[in-house]
Amino acid sequence: MASSPGAPEPRQAALYEFLFTNLASWHLALLRRVLANPREAPDIRGQAAEALGCHYARYRHRWQRRYRRLVETLEHGLEDPAPEVRFWSIYALTCMEEARVLPRLRLIAATDTASCPGMWTLRQEALWAIAQFEGRDIDDPRTL
């Protein structure tokens, strides 16, 4: 699958709007494809992960195939070479309350020193996610 045409900034802004919109199932499938496409710009893929995580937070139908495929895609995102994709995959899986990724989050917290541009380190994001799963509320992950 080739990347979509156009400059990344307007495309990223358009994806950001998905955070605040009720999405049809075909929108969600498109976002998942964008996330999974290694030829897309990392910031675009990260924005897709964030939008998907927000949309599927507290989703009740976790047994559905599309949900399971999304979780698999986000889990692959944890291994992506791009820090933006790893960062926003952590965020999405945390929003979705996918506690099965805790062992991987602990590994990221112990070993991943990369930073997400404009945000903080992946280690800090992983520590924030672990705290969320443990019921601790951290206001600012940069303090971790």
Foldseek 3Di string as FASTA:
>chain_A
DAEDDDDVPVLLVVLLCLQVDDDDVVVLVVLLVLLQDPNYDLSNNLSSLQSQLSNLQVPDPCVDPVNVVSLVSLVVQCVDPDQSSNLSSLVSCLSNVVCVCLVVLVVCLVDFQDADPPAGTSNLSSVCSNCVNVVHHDPHSVVD
